[in-house]
Amino acid sequence: MLLREDFQDFCIFFPAVLNRLKCKIKTYNDKWRLFQKQILRNVDYFGRLEEDTINELSLTLRDQFYNKGAYVFESGQQVDSILFILHGELDLIVRMDNGEEKVIDTLFQG
């Protein structure tokens, strides 16, 4: 099995292979890939980008599933990604000084 880190190293040493893979992937448009690109286009910031850029961004999207009640991230934690809610909802919770948690908003699909 090829680990992500090993593949990234491979791409650094063999950029031509990476470019060929990207060209082939651009022609692969199954329903899931088309859906991913549509999600990006629906975001105002991304919607104005050129098709090649949307293709590049769509290659970086990953599925992540969370169980009910799980914390996605916590206050003060550095976040280096964008989350798109495809199913379910996400409560934004603030922990008060007394330790009590309050839901300040709920985000839904989109």
N, C-alpha and C. Protein backbone atom coordinates (compact mmCIF):
# COMPACT_ATOMS: atom_id res chain seq x y z
N MET A 1 0.84 -1.17 0.00
CA MET A 1 0.00 0.00 0.00
C MET A 1 0.89 1.24 0.00
N LEU A 2 0.53 2.19 -0.83
CA LEU A 2 1.29 3.44 -0.94
C LEU A 2 0.71 4.46 0.03
N LEU A 3 1.51 4.87 0.99
CA LEU A 3 1.07 5.86 1.97
C LEU A 3 1.07 7.25 1.35
N ARG A 4 0.23 8.13 1.87
CA ARG A 4 0.13 9.49 1.36
C ARG A 4 1.50 10.19 1.37
N GLU A 5 2.24 10.04 2.47
CA GLU A 5 3.55 10.69 2.58
C GLU A 5 4.51 10.19 1.50
N ASP A 6 4.46 8.88 1.25
CA ASP A 6 5.32 8.30 0.22
C ASP A 6 4.94 8.82 -1.17
N PHE A 7 3.63 8.93 -1.41
CA PHE A 7 3.17 9.45 -2.70
C PHE A 7 3.59 10.90 -2.87
N GLN A 8 3.51 11.70 -1.80
CA GLN A 8 3.94 13.09 -1.88
C GLN A 8 5.42 13.18 -2.19
N ASP A 9 6.22 12.34 -1.56
CA ASP A 9 7.66 12.31 -1.87
C ASP A 9 7.89 11.91 -3.32
N PHE A 10 7.16 10.91 -3.78
CA PHE A 10 7.27 10.46 -5.17
C PHE A 10 6.99 11.62 -6.13
N CYS A 11 5.95 12.40 -5.83
CA CYS A 11 5.57 13.52 -6.69
C CYS A 11 6.64 14.61 -6.72
N ILE A 12 7.34 14.79 -5.62
CA ILE A 12 8.42 15.78 -5.57
C ILE A 12 9.56 15.34 -6.49
N PHE A 13 9.90 14.06 -6.45
CA PHE A 13 11.01 13.54 -7.25
C PHE A 13 10.65 13.33 -8.72
N PHE A 14 9.35 13.12 -8.99
CA PHE A 14 8.91 12.85 -10.36
C PHE A 14 7.72 13.74 -10.73
N PRO A 15 7.95 15.07 -10.87
CA PRO A 15 6.85 15.99 -11.15
C PRO A 15 6.16 15.72 -12.48
N ALA A 16 6.85 15.17 -13.45
CA ALA A 16 6.23 14.88 -14.74
C ALA A 16 5.13 13.83 -14.59
N VAL A 17 5.36 12.85 -13.73
CA VAL A 17 4.35 11.82 -13.49
C VAL A 17 3.13 12.45 -12.81
N LEU A 18 3.37 13.34 -11.87
CA LEU A 18 2.26 14.02 -11.20
C LEU A 18 1.44 14.82 -12.21
N ASN A 19 2.10 15.53 -13.10
CA ASN A 19 1.38 16.31 -14.11
C ASN A 19 0.56 15.41 -15.03
N ARG A 20 1.09 14.27 -15.41
CA ARG A 20 0.34 13.33 -16.24
C ARG A 20 -0.88 12.79 -15.51
N LEU A 21 -0.70 12.48 -14.23
CA LEU A 21 -1.84 12.01 -13.42
C LEU A 21 -2.93 13.08 -13.35
N LYS A 22 -2.53 14.32 -13.13
CA LYS A 22 -3.51 15.41 -13.04
C LYS A 22 -4.26 15.58 -14.35
N CYS A 23 -3.56 15.46 -15.46
CA CYS A 23 -4.21 15.58 -16.77
C CYS A 23 -5.24 14.47 -16.96
N LYS A 24 -4.90 13.26 -16.56
CA LYS A 24 -5.83 12.14 -16.68
C LYS A 24 -7.03 12.32 -15.75
N ILE A 25 -6.77 12.79 -14.54
CA ILE A 25 -7.85 12.97 -13.57
C ILE A 25 -8.83 14.02 -14.06
N LYS A 26 -8.35 15.06 -14.74
CA LYS A 26 -9.24 16.12 -15.23
C LYS A 26 -10.28 15.58 -16.19
N THR A 27 -9.97 14.49 -16.87
CA THR A 27 -10.93 13.92 -17.83
C THR A 27 -11.89 12.94 -17.16
N TYR A 28 -11.63 12.62 -15.91
CA TYR A 28 -12.46 11.67 -15.17
C TYR A 28 -13.54 12.45 -14.43
N ASN A 29 -14.77 12.32 -14.88
CA ASN A 29 -15.85 13.10 -14.29
C ASN A 29 -17.01 12.22 -13.87
N ASP A 30 -16.80 11.43 -12.83
CA ASP A 30 -17.92 10.65 -12.30
C ASP A 30 -18.85 11.58 -11.51
N LYS A 31 -19.95 11.05 -11.04
CA LYS A 31 -20.95 11.87 -10.34
C LYS A 31 -20.38 12.53 -9.09
N TRP A 32 -19.56 11.80 -8.33
CA TRP A 32 -18.99 12.34 -7.11
C TRP A 32 -18.05 13.51 -7.41
N ARG A 33 -17.21 13.34 -8.40
CA ARG A 33 -16.26 14.41 -8.77
C ARG A 33 -17.01 15.63 -9.27
N LEU A 34 -18.03 15.45 -10.09
CA LEU A 34 -18.83 16.58 -10.57
C LEU A 34 -19.51 17.28 -9.40
N PHE A 35 -20.00 16.50 -8.43
CA PHE A 35 -20.62 17.07 -7.24
C PHE A 35 -19.62 17.91 -6.46
N GLN A 36 -18.41 17.41 -6.28
CA GLN A 36 -17.38 18.16 -5.56
C GLN A 36 -17.09 19.49 -6.24
N LYS A 37 -16.97 19.47 -7.55
CA LYS A 37 -16.68 20.71 -8.28
C LYS A 37 -17.85 21.68 -8.16
N GLN A 38 -19.08 21.17 -8.14
CA GLN A 38 -20.24 22.03 -8.00
C GLN A 38 -20.28 22.68 -6.61
N ILE A 39 -19.90 21.93 -5.60
CA ILE A 39 -19.83 22.50 -4.25
C ILE A 39 -18.88 23.69 -4.24
N LEU A 40 -17.72 23.53 -4.84
CA LEU A 40 -16.75 24.62 -4.89
C LEU A 40 -17.31 25.82 -5.66
N ARG A 41 -17.95 25.58 -6.77
CA ARG A 41 -18.51 26.68 -7.58
C ARG A 41 -19.60 27.44 -6.83
N ASN A 42 -20.30 26.76 -5.91
CA ASN A 42 -21.38 27.40 -5.16
C ASN A 42 -20.88 28.35 -4.08
N VAL A 43 -19.60 28.28 -3.75
CA VAL A 43 -19.01 29.20 -2.78
C VAL A 43 -18.56 30.44 -3.56
N ASP A 44 -19.07 31.61 -3.15
CA ASP A 44 -18.77 32.85 -3.89
C ASP A 44 -17.29 33.02 -4.19
N TYR A 45 -16.46 32.80 -3.21
CA TYR A 45 -15.02 33.00 -3.37
C TYR A 45 -14.44 32.10 -4.45
N PHE A 46 -14.88 30.85 -4.48
CA PHE A 46 -14.35 29.88 -5.44
C PHE A 46 -15.05 29.95 -6.79
N GLY A 47 -16.29 30.39 -6.79
CA GLY A 47 -17.10 30.40 -8.01
C GLY A 47 -16.52 31.21 -9.16
N ARG A 48 -15.69 32.16 -8.84
CA ARG A 48 -15.08 33.02 -9.88
C ARG A 48 -13.78 32.45 -10.43
N LEU A 49 -13.33 31.34 -9.89
CA LEU A 49 -12.05 30.77 -10.32
C LEU A 49 -12.20 30.06 -11.66
N GLU A 50 -11.08 29.96 -12.35
CA GLU A 50 -11.06 29.27 -13.64
C GLU A 50 -11.24 27.76 -13.43
N GLU A 51 -11.69 27.10 -14.47
CA GLU A 51 -11.98 25.66 -14.40
C GLU A 51 -10.76 24.85 -13.97
N ASP A 52 -9.58 25.18 -14.47
CA ASP A 52 -8.37 24.44 -14.07
C ASP A 52 -8.12 24.55 -12.57
N THR A 53 -8.38 25.72 -12.01
CA THR A 53 -8.19 25.92 -10.58
C THR A 53 -9.22 25.13 -9.78
N ILE A 54 -10.47 25.14 -10.25
CA ILE A 54 -11.52 24.34 -9.60
C ILE A 54 -11.13 22.86 -9.64
N ASN A 55 -10.59 22.39 -10.77
CA ASN A 55 -10.13 21.00 -10.87
C ASN A 55 -9.05 20.70 -9.85
N GLU A 56 -8.08 21.61 -9.72
CA GLU A 56 -6.98 21.42 -8.76
C GLU A 56 -7.53 21.36 -7.33
N LEU A 57 -8.43 22.27 -7.01
CA LEU A 57 -9.01 22.28 -5.66
C LEU A 57 -9.82 21.03 -5.39
N SER A 58 -10.55 20.57 -6.38
CA SER A 58 -11.39 19.39 -6.17
C SER A 58 -10.53 18.15 -5.87
N LEU A 59 -9.30 18.15 -6.34
CA LEU A 59 -8.40 17.02 -6.05
C LEU A 59 -7.99 16.99 -4.58
N THR A 60 -8.14 18.10 -3.87
CA THR A 60 -7.73 18.16 -2.47
C THR A 60 -8.87 17.85 -1.51
N LEU A 61 -10.10 17.73 -2.01
CA LEU A 61 -11.24 17.46 -1.14
C LEU A 61 -11.19 16.03 -0.61
N ARG A 62 -11.50 15.89 0.65
CA ARG A 62 -11.50 14.57 1.31
C ARG A 62 -12.79 14.43 2.10
N ASP A 63 -13.32 13.22 2.11
CA ASP A 63 -14.48 12.92 2.95
C ASP A 63 -14.02 12.78 4.39
N GLN A 64 -14.82 13.31 5.29
CA GLN A 64 -14.56 13.14 6.72
C GLN A 64 -15.90 12.95 7.40
N PHE A 65 -16.04 11.89 8.14
CA PHE A 65 -17.29 11.60 8.83
C PHE A 65 -17.09 11.79 10.33
N TYR A 66 -18.10 12.36 10.97
CA TYR A 66 -18.06 12.59 12.41
C TYR A 66 -19.28 11.94 13.05
N ASN A 67 -19.09 11.32 14.18
CA ASN A 67 -20.20 10.76 14.94
C ASN A 67 -20.95 11.88 15.65
N LYS A 68 -22.21 11.65 15.89
CA LYS A 68 -23.02 12.62 16.61
C LYS A 68 -22.36 12.92 17.96
N GLY A 69 -22.25 14.22 18.25
CA GLY A 69 -21.65 14.63 19.52
C GLY A 69 -20.14 14.83 19.47
N ALA A 70 -19.52 14.46 18.35
CA ALA A 70 -18.06 14.61 18.23
C ALA A 70 -17.70 16.08 18.03
N TYR A 71 -16.54 16.47 18.54
CA TYR A 71 -16.04 17.82 18.32
C TYR A 71 -15.23 17.83 17.03
N VAL A 72 -15.54 18.76 16.15
CA VAL A 72 -14.82 18.88 14.88
C VAL A 72 -13.52 19.65 15.12
N PHE A 73 -13.62 20.74 15.87
CA PHE A 73 -12.45 21.47 16.33
C PHE A 73 -12.87 22.27 17.56
N GLU A 74 -11.88 22.74 18.31
CA GLU A 74 -12.18 23.45 19.55
C GLU A 74 -11.62 24.87 19.49
N SER A 75 -12.16 25.73 20.32
CA SER A 75 -11.76 27.12 20.38
C SER A 75 -10.25 27.23 20.59
N GLY A 76 -9.62 28.10 19.82
CA GLY A 76 -8.19 28.32 19.92
C GLY A 76 -7.36 27.39 19.06
N GLN A 77 -7.97 26.35 18.53
CA GLN A 77 -7.25 25.39 17.68
C GLN A 77 -7.05 26.00 16.29
N GLN A 78 -5.84 25.89 15.75
CA GLN A 78 -5.59 26.36 14.39
C GLN A 78 -6.25 25.42 13.40
N VAL A 79 -6.93 26.00 12.43
CA VAL A 79 -7.64 25.21 11.42
C VAL A 79 -7.03 25.53 10.07
N ASP A 80 -6.73 24.49 9.30
CA ASP A 80 -6.10 24.68 7.99
C ASP A 80 -6.94 24.10 6.86
N SER A 81 -8.24 24.04 7.08
CA SER A 81 -9.10 23.47 6.04
C SER A 81 -10.48 24.12 6.11
N ILE A 82 -11.26 23.86 5.07
CA ILE A 82 -12.63 24.32 4.99
C ILE A 82 -13.52 23.09 5.06
N LEU A 83 -14.59 23.20 5.79
CA LEU A 83 -15.53 22.08 5.91
C LEU A 83 -16.80 22.39 5.14
N PHE A 84 -17.27 21.43 4.38
CA PHE A 84 -18.55 21.51 3.70
C PHE A 84 -19.44 20.46 4.35
N ILE A 85 -20.59 20.88 4.82
CA ILE A 85 -21.52 19.94 5.46
C ILE A 85 -22.39 19.33 4.37
N LEU A 86 -22.24 18.04 4.14
CA LEU A 86 -23.02 17.36 3.11
C LEU A 86 -24.27 16.72 3.68
N HIS A 87 -24.19 16.26 4.92
CA HIS A 87 -25.33 15.62 5.59
C HIS A 87 -25.30 16.03 7.05
N GLY A 88 -26.46 16.21 7.61
CA GLY A 88 -26.54 16.50 9.04
C GLY A 88 -26.40 17.98 9.34
N GLU A 89 -25.99 18.25 10.56
CA GLU A 89 -25.85 19.63 11.01
C GLU A 89 -24.69 19.71 12.00
N LEU A 90 -24.24 20.94 12.22
CA LEU A 90 -23.10 21.18 13.08
C LEU A 90 -23.45 22.30 14.04
N ASP A 91 -23.39 22.02 15.34
CA ASP A 91 -23.64 23.05 16.35
C ASP A 91 -22.36 23.81 16.65
N LEU A 92 -22.45 25.13 16.67
CA LEU A 92 -21.34 25.96 17.13
C LEU A 92 -21.55 26.20 18.61
N ILE A 93 -20.61 25.75 19.40
CA ILE A 93 -20.76 25.76 20.86
C ILE A 93 -19.67 26.61 21.47
N VAL A 94 -20.07 27.41 22.47
CA VAL A 94 -19.13 28.21 23.23
C VAL A 94 -19.12 27.67 24.66
N ARG A 95 -17.93 27.47 25.18
CA ARG A 95 -17.80 27.01 26.56
C ARG A 95 -17.67 28.26 27.44
N MET A 96 -18.58 28.40 28.37
CA MET A 96 -18.60 29.54 29.27
C MET A 96 -17.53 29.38 30.34
N ASP A 97 -17.23 30.47 31.05
CA ASP A 97 -16.22 30.44 32.11
C ASP A 97 -16.54 29.41 33.19
N ASN A 98 -17.83 29.16 33.41
CA ASN A 98 -18.24 28.20 34.44
C ASN A 98 -18.23 26.75 33.92
N GLY A 99 -17.80 26.55 32.65
CA GLY A 99 -17.72 25.21 32.07
C GLY A 99 -18.96 24.79 31.30
N GLU A 100 -20.02 25.57 31.44
CA GLU A 100 -21.26 25.26 30.72
C GLU A 100 -21.07 25.52 29.22
N GLU A 101 -21.68 24.68 28.40
CA GLU A 101 -21.60 24.84 26.95
C GLU A 101 -22.92 25.39 26.43
N LYS A 102 -22.83 26.40 25.54
CA LYS A 102 -24.02 27.01 24.96
C LYS A 102 -23.92 26.92 23.44
N VAL A 103 -25.01 26.48 22.80
CA VAL A 103 -25.08 26.45 21.35
C VAL A 103 -25.42 27.87 20.88
N ILE A 104 -24.51 28.46 20.07
CA ILE A 104 -24.74 29.83 19.59
C ILE A 104 -25.27 29.86 18.16
N ASP A 105 -25.11 28.76 17.44
CA ASP A 105 -25.62 28.67 16.08
C ASP A 105 -25.58 27.21 15.64
N THR A 106 -26.37 26.91 14.63
CA THR A 106 -26.36 25.57 14.03
C THR A 106 -26.17 25.74 12.53
N LEU A 107 -25.21 25.03 11.98
CA LEU A 107 -24.95 25.07 10.54
C LEU A 107 -25.54 23.83 9.91
N PHE A 108 -26.11 24.01 8.72
CA PHE A 108 -26.75 22.92 8.01
C PHE A 108 -26.03 22.65 6.70
N GLN A 109 -26.52 21.69 5.96
CA GLN A 109 -25.93 21.30 4.68
C GLN A 109 -25.71 22.52 3.81
N GLY A 110 -24.55 22.54 3.16
CA GLY A 110 -24.27 23.64 2.24
C GLY A 110 -22.90 24.20 2.41
